[in-house]
Each structure stands twice: as structure tokens, then as C-alpha cells.
């Protein structure tokens, strides 16, 4: 859980955030989590696909938040993960 003033909240605010589309299960988790922590992500870019988000992150285009269970789908990437 992301808590205001702790963890990665400051980084999320200052970074380009790669969000999943409004109808995705990941988005239904991240939006309430950010609201509860009083964290508004920086510039937001949306995608529907986990692989697209992984490619964008790998390319240095932003950061994202996603459930741990999708990480095996991103085995082609070489980015650092952090629990929220």
C-alpha cells in the first residue's frame, strides 16, 4: 500500500506515469490506492497491454504500478521493481 509521505509517493508525483486503461483490473487497484494515499501521478499515459507498458518503461518513458502476478509477462525487460 502506498502511504502519503512515505514509500514512492514523491517519485510517482514527479514522474511520467504509465497507467492501464480505465477498464483494466490493474487500474481498478491503482486509482483507489493513489486516492487513499493522496497521491496524484504526474503526467499520465495510458495503455491496454502489459507488454506495451513494459516496453515503455524499459525505453525510459515512465514508471507504472501493476500487480505482482503480471511480472512474469515482463521477463523480457530489465527494469527494477519496488513494492508499493
PDB file of N, CA and C in Angstrom:
ATOM      1  N   UNK A   1       0.840  -1.176   0.000  1.00  0.00           N
ATOM      2  CA  UNK A   1       0.000   0.000   0.000  1.00  0.00           C
ATOM      3  C   UNK A   1       0.880   1.233   0.000  1.00  0.00           C
ATOM      4  N   UNK A   2       0.518   2.199  -0.787  1.00  0.00           N
ATOM      5  CA  UNK A   2       1.231   3.461  -0.872  1.00  0.00           C
ATOM      6  C   UNK A   2       0.660   4.414   0.163  1.00  0.00           C
ATOM      7  N   UNK A   3       1.506   4.964   1.008  1.00  0.00           N
ATOM      8  CA  UNK A   3       1.050   5.896   2.037  1.00  0.00           C
ATOM      9  C   UNK A   3       1.621   7.273   1.765  1.00  0.00           C
ATOM     10  N   UNK A   4       0.820   8.278   1.966  1.00  0.00           N
ATOM     11  CA  UNK A   4       1.248   9.653   1.746  1.00  0.00           C
ATOM     12  C   UNK A   4       2.468   9.974   2.594  1.00  0.00           C
ATOM     13  N   UNK A   5       3.464  10.584   1.967  1.00  0.00           N
ATOM     14  CA  UNK A   5       4.662  10.978   2.682  1.00  0.00           C
ATOM     15  C   UNK A   5       5.652   9.850   2.888  1.00  0.00           C
ATOM     16  N   UNK A   6       5.322   8.644   2.461  1.00  0.00           N
ATOM     17  CA  UNK A   6       6.215   7.509   2.611  1.00  0.00           C
ATOM     18  C   UNK A   6       6.359   6.796   1.272  1.00  0.00           C
ATOM     19  N   UNK A   7       7.244   5.832   1.244  1.00  0.00           N
ATOM     20  CA  UNK A   7       7.389   4.998   0.071  1.00  0.00           C
ATOM     21  C   UNK A   7       7.745   5.779  -1.172  1.00  0.00           C
ATOM     22  N   UNK A   8       7.048   5.500  -2.258  1.00  0.00           N
ATOM     23  CA  UNK A   8       7.375   6.068  -3.558  1.00  0.00           C
ATOM     24  C   UNK A   8       6.460   7.205  -3.973  1.00  0.00           C
ATOM     25  N   UNK A   9       5.598   7.700  -3.094  1.00  0.00           N
ATOM     26  CA  UNK A   9       4.638   8.732  -3.476  1.00  0.00           C
ATOM     27  C   UNK A   9       5.261   9.940  -4.127  1.00  0.00           C
ATOM     28  N   UNK A  10       6.357  10.432  -3.576  1.00  0.00           N
ATOM     29  CA  UNK A  10       7.021  11.610  -4.144  1.00  0.00           C
ATOM     30  C   UNK A  10       7.520  11.327  -5.545  1.00  0.00           C
ATOM     31  N   UNK A  11       8.004  10.096  -5.773  1.00  0.00           N
ATOM     32  CA  UNK A  11       8.528   9.733  -7.087  1.00  0.00           C
ATOM     33  C   UNK A  11       7.407   9.615  -8.113  1.00  0.00           C
ATOM     34  N   UNK A  12       6.272   9.067  -7.679  1.00  0.00           N
ATOM     35  CA  UNK A  12       5.112   8.927  -8.569  1.00  0.00           C
ATOM     36  C   UNK A  12       4.618  10.306  -9.005  1.00  0.00           C
ATOM     37  N   UNK A  13       4.608  11.249  -8.092  1.00  0.00           N
ATOM     38  CA  UNK A  13       4.155  12.611  -8.415  1.00  0.00           C
ATOM     39  C   UNK A  13       5.049  13.292  -9.439  1.00  0.00           C
ATOM     40  N   UNK A  14       6.345  13.008  -9.405  1.00  0.00           N
ATOM     41  CA  UNK A  14       7.306  13.707 -10.258  1.00  0.00           C
ATOM     42  C   UNK A  14       7.581  13.001 -11.575  1.00  0.00           C
ATOM     43  N   UNK A  15       7.054  11.813 -11.761  1.00  0.00           N
ATOM     44  CA  UNK A  15       7.380  11.002 -12.937  1.00  0.00           C
ATOM     45  C   UNK A  15       6.224  10.919 -13.919  1.00  0.00           C
ATOM     46  N   UNK A  16       6.547  10.601 -15.154  1.00  0.00           N
ATOM     47  CA  UNK A  16       5.508  10.281 -16.138  1.00  0.00           C
ATOM     48  C   UNK A  16       4.986   8.904 -15.763  1.00  0.00           C
ATOM     49  N   UNK A  17       3.677   8.814 -15.561  1.00  0.00           N
ATOM     50  CA  UNK A  17       3.073   7.566 -15.098  1.00  0.00           C
ATOM     51  C   UNK A  17       2.387   6.858 -16.248  1.00  0.00           C
ATOM     52  N   UNK A  18       2.724   5.589 -16.436  1.00  0.00           N
ATOM     53  CA  UNK A  18       2.115   4.753 -17.468  1.00  0.00           C
ATOM     54  C   UNK A  18       0.987   3.973 -16.796  1.00  0.00           C
ATOM     55  N   UNK A  19      -0.234   4.405 -17.068  1.00  0.00           N
ATOM     56  CA  UNK A  19      -1.419   3.788 -16.463  1.00  0.00           C
ATOM     57  C   UNK A  19      -2.028   2.780 -17.429  1.00  0.00           C
ATOM     58  N   UNK A  20      -2.791   1.871 -16.870  1.00  0.00           N
ATOM     59  CA  UNK A  20      -3.558   0.945 -17.704  1.00  0.00           C
ATOM     60  C   UNK A  20      -4.919   1.570 -17.983  1.00  0.00           C
ATOM     61  N   UNK A  21      -5.567   1.110 -19.033  1.00  0.00           N
ATOM     62  CA  UNK A  21      -6.859   1.672 -19.427  1.00  0.00           C
ATOM     63  C   UNK A  21      -7.861   1.557 -18.281  1.00  0.00           C
ATOM     64  N   UNK A  22      -8.863   2.426 -18.313  1.00  0.00           N
ATOM     65  CA  UNK A  22      -9.847   2.516 -17.228  1.00  0.00           C
ATOM     66  C   UNK A  22     -10.562   1.202 -16.957  1.00  0.00           C
ATOM     67  N   UNK A  23     -10.718   0.357 -17.966  1.00  0.00           N
ATOM     68  CA  UNK A  23     -11.453  -0.891 -17.787  1.00  0.00           C
ATOM     69  C   UNK A  23     -10.574  -2.060 -17.321  1.00  0.00           C
ATOM     70  N   UNK A  24      -9.299  -1.818 -17.039  1.00  0.00           N
ATOM     71  CA  UNK A  24      -8.416  -2.914 -16.637  1.00  0.00           C
ATOM     72  C   UNK A  24      -8.470  -3.158 -15.129  1.00  0.00           C
ATOM     73  N   UNK A  25      -8.186  -4.391 -14.742  1.00  0.00           N
ATOM     74  CA  UNK A  25      -8.195  -4.730 -13.316  1.00  0.00           C
ATOM     75  C   UNK A  25      -7.057  -4.017 -12.582  1.00  0.00           C
ATOM     76  N   UNK A  26      -5.938  -3.800 -13.241  1.00  0.00           N
ATOM     77  CA  UNK A  26      -4.823  -3.080 -12.600  1.00  0.00           C
ATOM     78  C   UNK A  26      -5.230  -1.649 -12.280  1.00  0.00           C
ATOM     79  N   UNK A  27      -5.940  -1.009 -13.173  1.00  0.00           N
ATOM     80  CA  UNK A  27      -6.362   0.381 -12.951  1.00  0.00           C
ATOM     81  C   UNK A  27      -7.364   0.467 -11.801  1.00  0.00           C
ATOM     82  N   UNK A  28      -8.210  -0.563 -11.686  1.00  0.00           N
ATOM     83  CA  UNK A  28      -9.178  -0.574 -10.581  1.00  0.00           C
ATOM     84  C   UNK A  28      -8.489  -0.725  -9.226  1.00  0.00           C
ATOM     85  N   UNK A  29      -7.237  -1.142  -9.229  1.00  0.00           N
ATOM     86  CA  UNK A  29      -6.457  -1.220  -7.991  1.00  0.00           C
ATOM     87  C   UNK A  29      -5.629   0.045  -7.760  1.00  0.00           C
ATOM     88  N   UNK A  30      -5.021   0.561  -8.814  1.00  0.00           N
ATOM     89  CA  UNK A  30      -4.114   1.701  -8.630  1.00  0.00           C
ATOM     90  C   UNK A  30      -4.846   2.998  -8.329  1.00  0.00           C
ATOM     91  N   UNK A  31      -5.937   3.286  -9.023  1.00  0.00           N
ATOM     92  CA  UNK A  31      -6.638   4.560  -8.791  1.00  0.00           C
ATOM     93  C   UNK A  31      -7.093   4.731  -7.337  1.00  0.00           C
ATOM     94  N   UNK A  32      -7.773   3.733  -6.749  1.00  0.00           N
ATOM     95  CA  UNK A  32      -8.163   3.896  -5.343  1.00  0.00           C
ATOM     96  C   UNK A  32      -6.950   3.956  -4.404  1.00  0.00           C
ATOM     97  N   UNK A  33      -5.900   3.214  -4.723  1.00  0.00           N
ATOM     98  CA  UNK A  33      -4.698   3.253  -3.894  1.00  0.00           C
ATOM     99  C   UNK A  33      -4.062   4.633  -3.878  1.00  0.00           C
ATOM    100  N   UNK A  34      -3.969   5.240  -5.050  1.00  0.00           N
ATOM    101  CA  UNK A  34      -3.418   6.597  -5.129  1.00  0.00           C
ATOM    102  C   UNK A  34      -4.327   7.591  -4.411  1.00  0.00           C
ATOM    103  N   UNK A  35      -5.632   7.440  -4.579  1.00  0.00           N
ATOM    104  CA  UNK A  35      -6.575   8.355  -3.913  1.00  0.00           C
ATOM    105  C   UNK A  35      -6.462   8.237  -2.399  1.00  0.00           C
ATOM    106  N   UNK A  36      -6.390   7.021  -1.904  1.00  0.00           N
ATOM    107  CA  UNK A  36      -6.284   6.792  -0.463  1.00  0.00           C
ATOM    108  C   UNK A  36      -4.997   7.396   0.096  1.00  0.00           C
ATOM    109  N   UNK A  37      -3.920   7.333  -0.689  1.00  0.00           N
ATOM    110  CA  UNK A  37      -2.631   7.862  -0.241  1.00  0.00           C
ATOM    111  C   UNK A  37      -2.481   9.348  -0.544  1.00  0.00           C
ATOM    112  N   UNK A  38      -3.507   9.939  -1.172  1.00  0.00           N
ATOM    113  CA  UNK A  38      -3.453  11.344  -1.566  1.00  0.00           C
ATOM    114  C   UNK A  38      -2.270  11.614  -2.489  1.00  0.00           C
ATOM    115  N   UNK A  39      -2.081  10.714  -3.451  1.00  0.00           N
ATOM    116  CA  UNK A  39      -1.003  10.821  -4.433  1.00  0.00           C
ATOM    117  C   UNK A  39      -1.623  10.945  -5.813  1.00  0.00           C
ATOM    118  N   UNK A  40      -1.278  11.998  -6.505  1.00  0.00           N
ATOM    119  CA  UNK A  40      -1.728  12.184  -7.884  1.00  0.00           C
ATOM    120  C   UNK A  40      -0.521  11.955  -8.786  1.00  0.00           C
ATOM    121  N   UNK A  41      -0.560  10.903  -9.629  1.00  0.00           N
ATOM    122  CA  UNK A  41       0.570  10.662 -10.520  1.00  0.00           C
ATOM    123  C   UNK A  41       0.836  11.871 -11.417  1.00  0.00           C
ATOM    124  N   UNK A  42       2.094  11.996 -11.842  1.00  0.00           N
ATOM    125  CA  UNK A  42       2.468  13.060 -12.768  1.00  0.00           C
ATOM    126  C   UNK A  42       1.768  12.866 -14.101  1.00  0.00           C
ATOM    127  N   UNK A  43       2.365  13.318 -15.161  1.00  0.00           N
ATOM    128  CA  UNK A  43       1.810  13.163 -16.495  1.00  0.00           C
ATOM    129  C   UNK A  43       1.404  11.714 -16.694  1.00  0.00           C
ATOM    130  N   UNK A  44       0.193  11.493 -17.175  1.00  0.00           N
ATOM    131  CA  UNK A  44      -0.332  10.139 -17.317  1.00  0.00           C
ATOM    132  C   UNK A  44      -0.452   9.756 -18.784  1.00  0.00           C
ATOM    133  N   UNK A  45       0.060   8.578 -19.100  1.00  0.00           N
ATOM    134  CA  UNK A  45      -0.058   7.972 -20.423  1.00  0.00           C
ATOM    135  C   UNK A  45      -0.795   6.661 -20.198  1.00  0.00           C
ATOM    136  N   UNK A  46      -1.710   6.293 -21.090  1.00  0.00           N
ATOM    137  CA  UNK A  46      -2.469   5.059 -20.902  1.00  0.00           C
ATOM    138  C   UNK A  46      -2.144   4.026 -21.972  1.00  0.00           C
ATOM    139  N   UNK A  47      -2.212   2.770 -21.555  1.00  0.00           N
ATOM    140  CA  UNK A  47      -2.067   1.650 -22.471  1.00  0.00           C
ATOM    141  C   UNK A  47      -3.001   0.532 -22.017  1.00  0.00           C
ATOM    142  N   UNK A  48      -3.335  -0.348 -22.920  1.00  0.00           N
ATOM    143  CA  UNK A  48      -4.173  -1.503 -22.582  1.00  0.00           C
ATOM    144  C   UNK A  48      -3.345  -2.747 -22.283  1.00  0.00           C
ATOM    145  N   UNK A  49      -2.127  -2.802 -22.800  1.00  0.00           N
ATOM    146  CA  UNK A  49      -1.349  -4.041 -22.745  1.00  0.00           C
ATOM    147  C   UNK A  49      -0.187  -3.968 -21.766  1.00  0.00           C
ATOM    148  N   UNK A  50      -0.015  -5.034 -20.994  1.00  0.00           N
ATOM    149  CA  UNK A  50       1.092  -5.135 -20.050  1.00  0.00           C
ATOM    150  C   UNK A  50       2.425  -5.071 -20.790  1.00  0.00           C
ATOM    151  N   UNK A  51       2.519  -5.776 -21.916  1.00  0.00           N
ATOM    152  CA  UNK A  51       3.769  -5.779 -22.681  1.00  0.00           C
ATOM    153  C   UNK A  51       4.116  -4.387 -23.197  1.00  0.00           C
ATOM    154  N   UNK A  52       3.120  -3.624 -23.596  1.00  0.00           N
ATOM    155  CA  UNK A  52       3.372  -2.253 -24.046  1.00  0.00           C
ATOM    156  C   UNK A  52       3.890  -1.406 -22.901  1.00  0.00           C
ATOM    157  N   UNK A  53       3.274  -1.531 -21.740  1.00  0.00           N
ATOM    158  CA  UNK A  53       3.748  -0.791 -20.562  1.00  0.00           C
ATOM    159  C   UNK A  53       5.193  -1.183 -20.257  1.00  0.00           C
ATOM    160  N   UNK A  54       5.492  -2.475 -20.313  1.00  0.00           N
ATOM    161  CA  UNK A  54       6.862  -2.937 -20.060  1.00  0.00           C
ATOM    162  C   UNK A  54       7.859  -2.361 -21.044  1.00  0.00           C
ATOM    163  N   UNK A  55       7.484  -2.313 -22.312  1.00  0.00           N
ATOM    164  CA  UNK A  55       8.358  -1.726 -23.324  1.00  0.00           C
ATOM    165  C   UNK A  55       8.572  -0.239 -23.099  1.00  0.00           C
ATOM    166  N   UNK A  56       7.518   0.457 -22.710  1.00  0.00           N
ATOM    167  CA  UNK A  56       7.625   1.893 -22.450  1.00  0.00           C
ATOM    168  C   UNK A  56       8.526   2.161 -21.238  1.00  0.00           C
ATOM    169  N   UNK A  57       8.375   1.348 -20.202  1.00  0.00           N
ATOM    170  CA  UNK A  57       9.214   1.502 -19.009  1.00  0.00           C
ATOM    171  C   UNK A  57      10.674   1.228 -19.361  1.00  0.00           C
ATOM    172  N   UNK A  58      10.915   0.132 -20.070  1.00  0.00           N
ATOM    173  CA  UNK A  58      12.268  -0.228 -20.481  1.00  0.00           C
ATOM    174  C   UNK A  58      12.898   0.863 -21.335  1.00  0.00           C
ATOM    175  N   UNK A  59      12.080   1.504 -22.163  1.00  0.00           N
ATOM    176  CA  UNK A  59      12.566   2.583 -23.023  1.00  0.00           C
ATOM    177  C   UNK A  59      12.764   3.904 -22.292  1.00  0.00           C
ATOM    178  N   UNK A  60      12.508   3.910 -20.984  1.00  0.00           N
ATOM    179  CA  UNK A  60      12.716   5.117 -20.201  1.00  0.00           C
ATOM    180  C   UNK A  60      11.607   6.144 -20.331  1.00  0.00           C
ATOM    181  N   UNK A  61      10.426   5.701 -20.770  1.00  0.00           N
ATOM    182  CA  UNK A  61       9.325   6.639 -20.999  1.00  0.00           C
ATOM    183  C   UNK A  61       8.462   6.889 -19.772  1.00  0.00           C
ATOM    184  N   UNK A  62       8.719   6.210 -18.667  1.00  0.00           N
ATOM    185  CA  UNK A  62       7.929   6.444 -17.466  1.00  0.00           C
ATOM    186  C   UNK A  62       7.995   5.289 -16.493  1.00  0.00           C
ATOM    187  N   UNK A  63       7.121   5.379 -15.483  1.00  0.00           N
ATOM    188  CA  UNK A  63       7.002   4.350 -14.452  1.00  0.00           C
ATOM    189  C   UNK A  63       5.562   3.849 -14.441  1.00  0.00           C
ATOM    190  N   UNK A  64       5.324   2.755 -13.747  1.00  0.00           N
ATOM    191  CA  UNK A  64       3.966   2.227 -13.676  1.00  0.00           C
ATOM    192  C   UNK A  64       3.762   1.513 -12.343  1.00  0.00           C
ATOM    193  N   UNK A  65       2.537   1.151 -12.078  1.00  0.00           N
ATOM    194  CA  UNK A  65       2.189   0.312 -10.927  1.00  0.00           C
ATOM    195  C   UNK A  65       1.313  -0.809 -11.460  1.00  0.00           C
ATOM    196  N   UNK A  66       1.666  -2.023 -11.116  1.00  0.00           N
ATOM    197  CA  UNK A  66       0.909  -3.173 -11.606  1.00  0.00           C
ATOM    198  C   UNK A  66       0.991  -4.308 -10.597  1.00  0.00           C
ATOM    199  N   UNK A  67       0.020  -5.214 -10.653  1.00  0.00           N
ATOM    200  CA  UNK A  67       0.039  -6.350  -9.730  1.00  0.00           C
ATOM    201  C   UNK A  67       1.263  -7.234  -9.976  1.00  0.00           C
ATOM    202  N   UNK A  68       1.779  -7.795  -8.904  1.00  0.00           N
ATOM    203  CA  UNK A  68       2.968  -8.640  -8.988  1.00  0.00           C
ATOM    204  C   UNK A  68       2.764  -9.836  -9.919  1.00  0.00           C
ATOM    205  N   UNK A  69       1.545 -10.316 -10.025  1.00  0.00           N
ATOM    206  CA  UNK A  69       1.301 -11.509 -10.840  1.00  0.00           C
ATOM    207  C   UNK A  69       1.548 -11.282 -12.331  1.00  0.00           C
ATOM    208  N   UNK A  70       1.640 -10.037 -12.793  1.00  0.00           N
ATOM    209  CA  UNK A  70       1.923  -9.798 -14.218  1.00  0.00           C
ATOM    210  C   UNK A  70       3.418  -9.710 -14.500  1.00  0.00           C
ATOM    211  N   UNK A  71       4.245  -9.677 -13.470  1.00  0.00           N
ATOM    212  CA  UNK A  71       5.682  -9.533 -13.690  1.00  0.00           C
ATOM    213  C   UNK A  71       6.291 -10.634 -14.557  1.00  0.00           C
ATOM    214  N   UNK A  72       5.840 -11.895 -14.460  1.00  0.00           N
ATOM    215  CA  UNK A  72       6.383 -12.905 -15.376  1.00  0.00           C
ATOM    216  C   UNK A  72       6.149 -12.566 -16.852  1.00  0.00           C
ATOM    217  N   UNK A  73       5.107 -11.807 -17.152  1.00  0.00           N
ATOM    218  CA  UNK A  73       4.853 -11.402 -18.539  1.00  0.00           C
ATOM    219  C   UNK A  73       5.875 -10.374 -19.027  1.00  0.00           C
ATOM    220  N   UNK A  74       6.616  -9.818 -18.094  1.00  0.00           N
ATOM    221  CA  UNK A  74       7.593  -8.783 -18.421  1.00  0.00           C
ATOM    222  C   UNK A  74       9.023  -9.285 -18.295  1.00  0.00           C
ATOM    223  N   UNK A  75       9.213 -10.592 -18.413  1.00  0.00           N
ATOM    224  CA  UNK A  75      10.552 -11.173 -18.253  1.00  0.00           C
ATOM    225  C   UNK A  75      11.528 -10.677 -19.315  1.00  0.00           C
ATOM    226  N   UNK A  76      11.034 -10.110 -20.407  1.00  0.00           N
ATOM    227  CA  UNK A  76      11.900  -9.585 -21.465  1.00  0.00           C
ATOM    228  C   UNK A  76      12.516  -8.237 -21.090  1.00  0.00           C
ATOM    229  N   UNK A  77      12.057  -7.642 -20.010  1.00  0.00           N
ATOM    230  CA  UNK A  77      12.535  -6.319 -19.617  1.00  0.00           C
ATOM    231  C   UNK A  77      13.659  -6.421 -18.593  1.00  0.00           C
ATOM    232  N   UNK A  78      14.309  -5.315 -18.381  1.00  0.00           N
ATOM    233  CA  UNK A  78      15.396  -5.279 -17.400  1.00  0.00           C
ATOM    234  C   UNK A  78      15.236  -4.060 -16.514  1.00  0.00           C
ATOM    235  N   UNK A  79      14.047  -3.891 -15.956  1.00  0.00           N
ATOM    236  CA  UNK A  79      13.827  -2.756 -15.078  1.00  0.00           C
ATOM    237  C   UNK A  79      13.738  -3.206 -13.629  1.00  0.00           C
ATOM    238  N   UNK A  80      13.803  -2.274 -12.742  1.00  0.00           N
ATOM    239  CA  UNK A  80      13.777  -2.537 -11.306  1.00  0.00           C
ATOM    240  C   UNK A  80      12.348  -2.440 -10.800  1.00  0.00           C
ATOM    241  N   UNK A  81      11.939  -3.379  -9.971  1.00  0.00           N
ATOM    242  CA  UNK A  81      10.600  -3.327  -9.379  1.00  0.00           C
ATOM    243  C   UNK A  81      10.719  -2.992  -7.900  1.00  0.00           C
ATOM    244  N   UNK A  82       9.695  -2.313  -7.400  1.00  0.00           N
ATOM    245  CA  UNK A  82       9.620  -1.955  -5.989  1.00  0.00           C
ATOM    246  C   UNK A  82       8.190  -2.183  -5.526  1.00  0.00           C
ATOM    247  N   UNK A  83       7.996  -2.778  -4.365  1.00  0.00           N
ATOM    248  CA  UNK A  83       6.634  -2.910  -3.837  1.00  0.00           C
ATOM    249  C   UNK A  83       6.126  -1.549  -3.390  1.00  0.00           C
ATOM    250  N   UNK A  84       4.849  -1.301  -3.600  1.00  0.00           N
ATOM    251  CA  UNK A  84       4.238  -0.075  -3.128  1.00  0.00           C
ATOM    252  C   UNK A  84       3.666  -0.315  -1.757  1.00  0.00           C
TER     253      UNK A  84
END
